[in-house]
PDB file of N, CA and C in Angstrom:
ATOM      1  N   MET A   1     -78.980 213.788 124.234  1.00  0.00           N
ATOM      2  CA  MET A   1     -77.729 214.477 124.168  1.00  0.00           C
ATOM      3  C   MET A   1     -77.833 214.845 122.297  1.00  0.00           C
ATOM      4  N   SER A   2     -78.565 214.121 121.264  1.00  0.00           N
ATOM      5  CA  SER A   2     -78.842 214.535 120.020  1.00  0.00           C
ATOM      6  C   SER A   2     -79.184 215.423 119.796  1.00  0.00           C
ATOM      7  N   LYS A   3     -79.796 216.188 120.668  1.00  0.00           N
ATOM      8  CA  LYS A   3     -79.986 217.650 119.773  1.00  0.00           C
ATOM      9  C   LYS A   3     -78.858 218.724 119.879  1.00  0.00           C
ATOM     10  N   ARG A   4     -78.387 218.688 121.006  1.00  0.00           N
ATOM     11  CA  ARG A   4     -77.347 219.688 121.348  1.00  0.00           C
ATOM     12  C   ARG A   4     -75.687 218.996 121.008  1.00  0.00           C
ATOM     13  N   TYR A   5     -75.853 217.688 120.738  1.00  0.00           N
ATOM     14  CA  TYR A   5     -74.617 217.569 119.518  1.00  0.00           C
ATOM     15  C   TYR A   5     -74.875 218.393 117.980  1.00  0.00           C
ATOM     16  N   TRP A   6     -75.919 217.641 118.040  1.00  0.00           N
ATOM     17  CA  TRP A   6     -76.163 218.793 116.362  1.00  0.00           C
ATOM     18  C   TRP A   6     -76.196 220.003 116.560  1.00  0.00           C
ATOM     19  N   GLU A   7     -76.323 220.859 117.143  1.00  0.00           N
ATOM     20  CA  GLU A   7     -75.707 222.194 117.526  1.00  0.00           C
ATOM     21  C   GLU A   7     -74.219 222.551 117.264  1.00  0.00           C
ATOM     22  N   ILE A   8     -73.715 221.308 118.505  1.00  0.00           N
ATOM     23  CA  ILE A   8     -72.380 221.940 118.510  1.00  0.00           C
ATOM     24  C   ILE A   8     -71.572 221.390 117.078  1.00  0.00           C
ATOM     25  N   PHE A   9     -72.424 220.098 116.260  1.00  0.00           N
ATOM     26  CA  PHE A   9     -71.957 219.308 114.804  1.00  0.00           C
ATOM     27  C   PHE A   9     -71.730 220.732 114.236  1.00  0.00           C
ATOM     28  N   GLU A  10     -73.834 221.403 113.848  1.00  0.00           N
ATOM     29  CA  GLU A  10     -73.315 222.462 113.152  1.00  0.00           C
ATOM     30  C   GLU A  10     -72.346 223.786 113.424  1.00  0.00           C
ATOM     31  N   LYS A  11     -72.176 224.488 114.538  1.00  0.00           N
ATOM     32  CA  LYS A  11     -71.742 225.091 114.826  1.00  0.00           C
ATOM     33  C   LYS A  11     -69.630 224.531 114.760  1.00  0.00           C
ATOM     34  N   CYS A  12     -69.388 223.535 114.580  1.00  0.00           N
ATOM     35  CA  CYS A  12     -67.912 223.173 114.698  1.00  0.00           C
ATOM     36  C   CYS A  12     -68.378 223.288 112.510  1.00  0.00           C
ATOM     37  N   ARG A  13     -69.200 222.586 111.735  1.00  0.00           N
ATOM     38  CA  ARG A  13     -68.704 222.537 110.576  1.00  0.00           C
ATOM     39  C   ARG A  13     -68.891 224.264 110.481  1.00  0.00           C
ATOM     40  N   SER A  14     -69.476 225.387 110.667  1.00  0.00           N
ATOM     41  CA  SER A  14     -69.784 226.739 110.237  1.00  0.00           C
ATOM     42  C   SER A  14     -68.101 226.922 110.391  1.00  0.00           C
ATOM     43  N   GLU A  15     -67.813 226.356 111.687  1.00  0.00           N
ATOM     44  CA  GLU A  15     -66.085 227.620 111.686  1.00  0.00           C
ATOM     45  C   GLU A  15     -65.166 226.251 111.314  1.00  0.00           C
ATOM     46  N   LEU A  16     -65.367 225.103 110.923  1.00  0.00           N
ATOM     47  CA  LEU A  16     -63.989 224.325 110.546  1.00  0.00           C
ATOM     48  C   LEU A  16     -64.304 224.700 108.633  1.00  0.00           C
ATOM     49  N   GLY A  17     -65.548 224.739 108.011  1.00  0.00           N
ATOM     50  CA  GLY A  17     -65.617 224.718 106.940  1.00  0.00           C
ATOM     51  C   GLY A  17     -65.950 222.732 106.398  1.00  0.00           C
ATOM     52  N   TYR A  18     -65.740 221.842 107.782  1.00  0.00           N
ATOM     53  CA  TYR A  18     -65.976 220.081 106.848  1.00  0.00           C
ATOM     54  C   TYR A  18     -66.966 219.926 108.137  1.00  0.00           C
ATOM     55  N   ALA A  19     -67.449 218.666 108.004  1.00  0.00           N
ATOM     56  CA  ALA A  19     -68.379 218.238 108.865  1.00  0.00           C
ATOM     57  C   ALA A  19     -67.200 217.653 109.843  1.00  0.00           C
ATOM     58  N   ASP A  20     -67.231 217.366 110.761  1.00  0.00           N
ATOM     59  CA  ASP A  20     -66.287 216.318 111.855  1.00  0.00           C
ATOM     60  C   ASP A  20     -66.847 215.720 112.744  1.00  0.00           C
ATOM     61  N   TYR A  21     -67.486 214.562 113.164  1.00  0.00           N
ATOM     62  CA  TYR A  21     -68.437 214.059 113.773  1.00  0.00           C
ATOM     63  C   TYR A  21     -67.628 214.075 115.649  1.00  0.00           C
ATOM     64  N   LEU A  22     -66.361 214.059 115.227  1.00  0.00           N
ATOM     65  CA  LEU A  22     -65.661 213.798 116.866  1.00  0.00           C
ATOM     66  C   LEU A  22     -65.622 214.755 117.640  1.00  0.00           C
ATOM     67  N   ALA A  23     -65.077 216.518 116.729  1.00  0.00           N
ATOM     68  CA  ALA A  23     -65.311 217.218 117.775  1.00  0.00           C
ATOM     69  C   ALA A  23     -66.457 217.472 119.037  1.00  0.00           C
ATOM     70  N   PRO A  24     -67.893 217.576 117.730  1.00  0.00           N
ATOM     71  CA  PRO A  24     -69.023 217.556 118.901  1.00  0.00           C
ATOM     72  C   PRO A  24     -69.076 217.040 120.218  1.00  0.00           C
ATOM     73  N   CYS A  25     -68.348 215.600 119.863  1.00  0.00           N
ATOM     74  CA  CYS A  25     -68.221 214.939 121.241  1.00  0.00           C
ATOM     75  C   CYS A  25     -67.523 215.476 122.354  1.00  0.00           C
ATOM     76  N   ASN A  26     -66.270 215.320 121.697  1.00  0.00           N
ATOM     77  CA  ASN A  26     -65.357 215.954 122.673  1.00  0.00           C
ATOM     78  C   ASN A  26     -65.992 217.335 123.206  1.00  0.00           C
ATOM     79  N   GLU A  27     -66.856 218.545 122.398  1.00  0.00           N
ATOM     80  CA  GLU A  27     -67.246 219.620 122.999  1.00  0.00           C
ATOM     81  C   GLU A  27     -68.618 219.793 124.224  1.00  0.00           C
ATOM     82  N   TYR A  28     -69.134 218.567 123.587  1.00  0.00           N
ATOM     83  CA  TYR A  28     -69.786 218.079 124.652  1.00  0.00           C
ATOM     84  C   TYR A  28     -69.864 217.506 125.737  1.00  0.00           C
ATOM     85  N   ARG A  29     -68.851 216.767 125.532  1.00  0.00           N
ATOM     86  CA  ARG A  29     -68.139 216.041 126.797  1.00  0.00           C
ATOM     87  C   ARG A  29     -67.538 217.124 128.315  1.00  0.00           C
ATOM     88  N   LEU A  30     -67.123 218.317 127.248  1.00  0.00           N
ATOM     89  CA  LEU A  30     -66.937 219.625 128.243  1.00  0.00           C
ATOM     90  C   LEU A  30     -68.038 219.865 128.870  1.00  0.00           C
ATOM     91  N   GLU A  31     -69.320 220.048 128.482  1.00  0.00           N
ATOM     92  CA  GLU A  31     -70.519 220.504 128.467  1.00  0.00           C
ATOM     93  C   GLU A  31     -70.900 219.198 129.675  1.00  0.00           C
ATOM     94  N   GLN A  32     -71.421 217.920 129.555  1.00  0.00           N
ATOM     95  CA  GLN A  32     -71.633 217.663 130.579  1.00  0.00           C
ATOM     96  C   GLN A  32     -70.286 216.217 130.853  1.00  0.00           C
ATOM     97  N   PRO A  33     -69.317 216.214 131.900  1.00  0.00           N
ATOM     98  CA  PRO A  33     -68.657 215.589 132.151  1.00  0.00           C
ATOM     99  C   PRO A  33     -69.219 214.561 132.598  1.00  0.00           C
ATOM    100  N   HIS A  34     -70.332 214.171 133.196  1.00  0.00           N
ATOM    101  CA  HIS A  34     -70.496 212.484 133.796  1.00  0.00           C
ATOM    102  C   HIS A  34     -71.276 212.011 132.596  1.00  0.00           C
ATOM    103  N   ASP A  35     -71.808 211.971 131.074  1.00  0.00           N
ATOM    104  CA  ASP A  35     -72.367 211.757 130.555  1.00  0.00           C
ATOM    105  C   ASP A  35     -71.477 210.476 129.681  1.00  0.00           C
ATOM    106  N   LEU A  36     -71.920 209.313 129.741  1.00  0.00           N
ATOM    107  CA  LEU A  36     -70.655 208.704 129.273  1.00  0.00           C
ATOM    108  C   LEU A  36     -71.717 208.362 127.491  1.00  0.00           C
ATOM    109  N   GLN A  37     -72.596 209.007 126.817  1.00  0.00           N
ATOM    110  CA  GLN A  37     -73.128 209.049 125.613  1.00  0.00           C
ATOM    111  C   GLN A  37     -71.795 208.868 124.567  1.00  0.00           C
ATOM    112  N   PRO A  38     -71.451 210.325 124.668  1.00  0.00           N
ATOM    113  CA  PRO A  38     -70.707 210.682 123.961  1.00  0.00           C
ATOM    114  C   PRO A  38     -69.114 209.788 123.644  1.00  0.00           C
ATOM    115  N   LEU A  39     -68.701 209.355 124.897  1.00  0.00           N
ATOM    116  CA  LEU A  39     -67.805 208.199 124.915  1.00  0.00           C
ATOM    117  C   LEU A  39     -67.884 207.205 123.884  1.00  0.00           C
ATOM    118  N   ARG A  40     -69.034 206.615 123.911  1.00  0.00           N
ATOM    119  CA  ARG A  40     -69.703 205.585 123.322  1.00  0.00           C
ATOM    120  C   ARG A  40     -69.854 205.834 122.115  1.00  0.00           C
ATOM    121  N   VAL A  41     -70.172 206.890 121.496  1.00  0.00           N
ATOM    122  CA  VAL A  41     -70.097 207.350 120.140  1.00  0.00           C
ATOM    123  C   VAL A  41     -68.781 207.500 119.789  1.00  0.00           C
ATOM    124  N   SER A  42     -67.986 208.346 120.199  1.00  0.00           N
ATOM    125  CA  SER A  42     -66.780 208.687 120.010  1.00  0.00           C
ATOM    126  C   SER A  42     -66.036 207.491 119.794  1.00  0.00           C
ATOM    127  N   LEU A  43     -66.240 206.123 119.968  1.00  0.00           N
ATOM    128  CA  LEU A  43     -65.434 204.932 120.427  1.00  0.00           C
ATOM    129  C   LEU A  43     -66.172 203.937 119.086  1.00  0.00           C
ATOM    130  N   PHE A  44     -67.017 204.335 118.752  1.00  0.00           N
ATOM    131  CA  PHE A  44     -68.238 203.799 117.197  1.00  0.00           C
ATOM    132  C   PHE A  44     -67.483 204.230 116.563  1.00  0.00           C
ATOM    133  N   LEU A  45     -67.546 205.851 116.366  1.00  0.00           N
ATOM    134  CA  LEU A  45     -66.462 206.525 114.911  1.00  0.00           C
ATOM    135  C   LEU A  45     -65.477 206.507 114.467  1.00  0.00           C
ATOM    136  N   LEU A  46     -64.852 206.221 115.805  1.00  0.00           N
ATOM    137  CA  LEU A  46     -63.491 205.718 115.850  1.00  0.00           C
ATOM    138  C   LEU A  46     -62.992 203.997 115.318  1.00  0.00           C
ATOM    139  N   ASP A  47     -63.932 203.180 115.523  1.00  0.00           N
ATOM    140  CA  ASP A  47     -64.083 201.838 114.839  1.00  0.00           C
ATOM    141  C   ASP A  47     -64.502 201.766 113.710  1.00  0.00           C
ATOM    142  N   TYR A  48     -65.406 202.939 113.003  1.00  0.00           N
ATOM    143  CA  TYR A  48     -66.014 202.481 112.103  1.00  0.00           C
ATOM    144  C   TYR A  48     -65.165 202.497 110.887  1.00  0.00           C
ATOM    145  N   ARG A  49     -65.748 201.495 110.038  1.00  0.00           N
ATOM    146  CA  ARG A  49     -64.931 201.028 108.929  1.00  0.00           C
ATOM    147  C   ARG A  49     -65.104 201.724 107.598  1.00  0.00           C
ATOM    148  N   LEU A  50     -65.078 202.810 107.728  1.00  0.00           N
ATOM    149  CA  LEU A  50     -66.283 203.592 106.610  1.00  0.00           C
ATOM    150  C   LEU A  50     -65.943 203.421 105.132  1.00  0.00           C
ATOM    151  N   LEU A  51     -65.010 203.127 104.986  1.00  0.00           N
ATOM    152  CA  LEU A  51     -64.512 202.307 103.423  1.00  0.00           C
ATOM    153  C   LEU A  51     -65.048 201.181 103.579  1.00  0.00           C
ATOM    154  N   ASP A  52     -65.294 200.101 104.007  1.00  0.00           N
ATOM    155  CA  ASP A  52     -65.555 199.276 103.621  1.00  0.00           C
ATOM    156  C   ASP A  52     -67.459 199.310 103.457  1.00  0.00           C
ATOM    157  N   ALA A  53     -68.051 200.164 104.451  1.00  0.00           N
ATOM    158  CA  ALA A  53     -69.473 200.551 104.244  1.00  0.00           C
ATOM    159  C   ALA A  53     -69.915 201.129 103.437  1.00  0.00           C
ATOM    160  N   CYS A  54     -68.978 202.239 102.791  1.00  0.00           N
ATOM    161  CA  CYS A  54     -69.023 203.383 101.361  1.00  0.00           C
ATOM    162  C   CYS A  54     -68.574 202.158 100.277  1.00  0.00           C
ATOM    163  N   PHE A  55     -67.569 201.621 100.344  1.00  0.00           N
ATOM    164  CA  PHE A  55     -67.101 201.462  99.335  1.00  0.00           C
ATOM    165  C   PHE A  55     -66.949 199.257  98.906  1.00  0.00           C
ATOM    166  N   PRO A  56     -67.862 198.832  99.453  1.00  0.00           N
ATOM    167  CA  PRO A  56     -67.453 197.579  99.766  1.00  0.00           C
ATOM    168  C   PRO A  56     -66.854 196.203  98.192  1.00  0.00           C
ATOM    169  N   ALA A  57     -67.067 197.197  97.031  1.00  0.00           N
ATOM    170  CA  ALA A  57     -66.684 196.326  96.216  1.00  0.00           C
ATOM    171  C   ALA A  57     -65.396 197.074  96.070  1.00  0.00           C
ATOM    172  N   LEU A  58     -64.850 197.752  95.846  1.00  0.00           N
ATOM    173  CA  LEU A  58     -63.776 198.422  95.463  1.00  0.00           C
ATOM    174  C   LEU A  58     -62.609 198.035  96.607  1.00  0.00           C
ATOM    175  N   LEU A  59     -62.953 197.757  97.517  1.00  0.00           N
ATOM    176  CA  LEU A  59     -61.698 196.903  98.747  1.00  0.00           C
ATOM    177  C   LEU A  59     -61.936 195.367  98.495  1.00  0.00           C
ATOM    178  N   MET A  60     -63.222 194.516  97.729  1.00  0.00           N
ATOM    179  CA  MET A  60     -62.935 193.667  97.697  1.00  0.00           C
ATOM    180  C   MET A  60     -62.514 193.631  96.058  1.00  0.00           C
ATOM    181  N   SER A  61     -62.004 193.774  95.439  1.00  0.00           N
ATOM    182  CA  SER A  61     -61.421 193.840  93.916  1.00  0.00           C
ATOM    183  C   SER A  61     -60.022 194.195  94.563  1.00  0.00           C
ATOM    184  N   SER A  62     -59.518 194.586  95.424  1.00  0.00           N
ATOM    185  CA  SER A  62     -58.412 195.479  95.825  1.00  0.00           C
ATOM    186  C   SER A  62     -57.594 194.100  96.255  1.00  0.00           C
ATOM    187  N   ARG A  63     -58.551 193.570  97.116  1.00  0.00           N
ATOM    188  CA  ARG A  63     -57.729 192.183  98.331  1.00  0.00           C
ATOM    189  C   ARG A  63     -57.721 190.737  97.427  1.00  0.00           C
ATOM    190  N   ARG A  64     -57.999 190.905  96.058  1.00  0.00           N
ATOM    191  CA  ARG A  64     -57.445 190.134  95.223  1.00  0.00           C
ATOM    192  C   ARG A  64     -55.968 189.642  95.178  1.00  0.00           C
TER     193      ARG A  64
END
């Protein structure tokens, strides 16, 4: 999946003008409907707490 995902990712990025990580998962699923890996990746991305990962100190200070 990974090589094809990144090919689709680059196509989407050039079309959209920004990085979208879910769109390639959806497009890949259309090509390979029986592959469950894109669903797992999509769920991970939807549940990923980006702010906590990138700015933990900022979030800790705002919770006081």
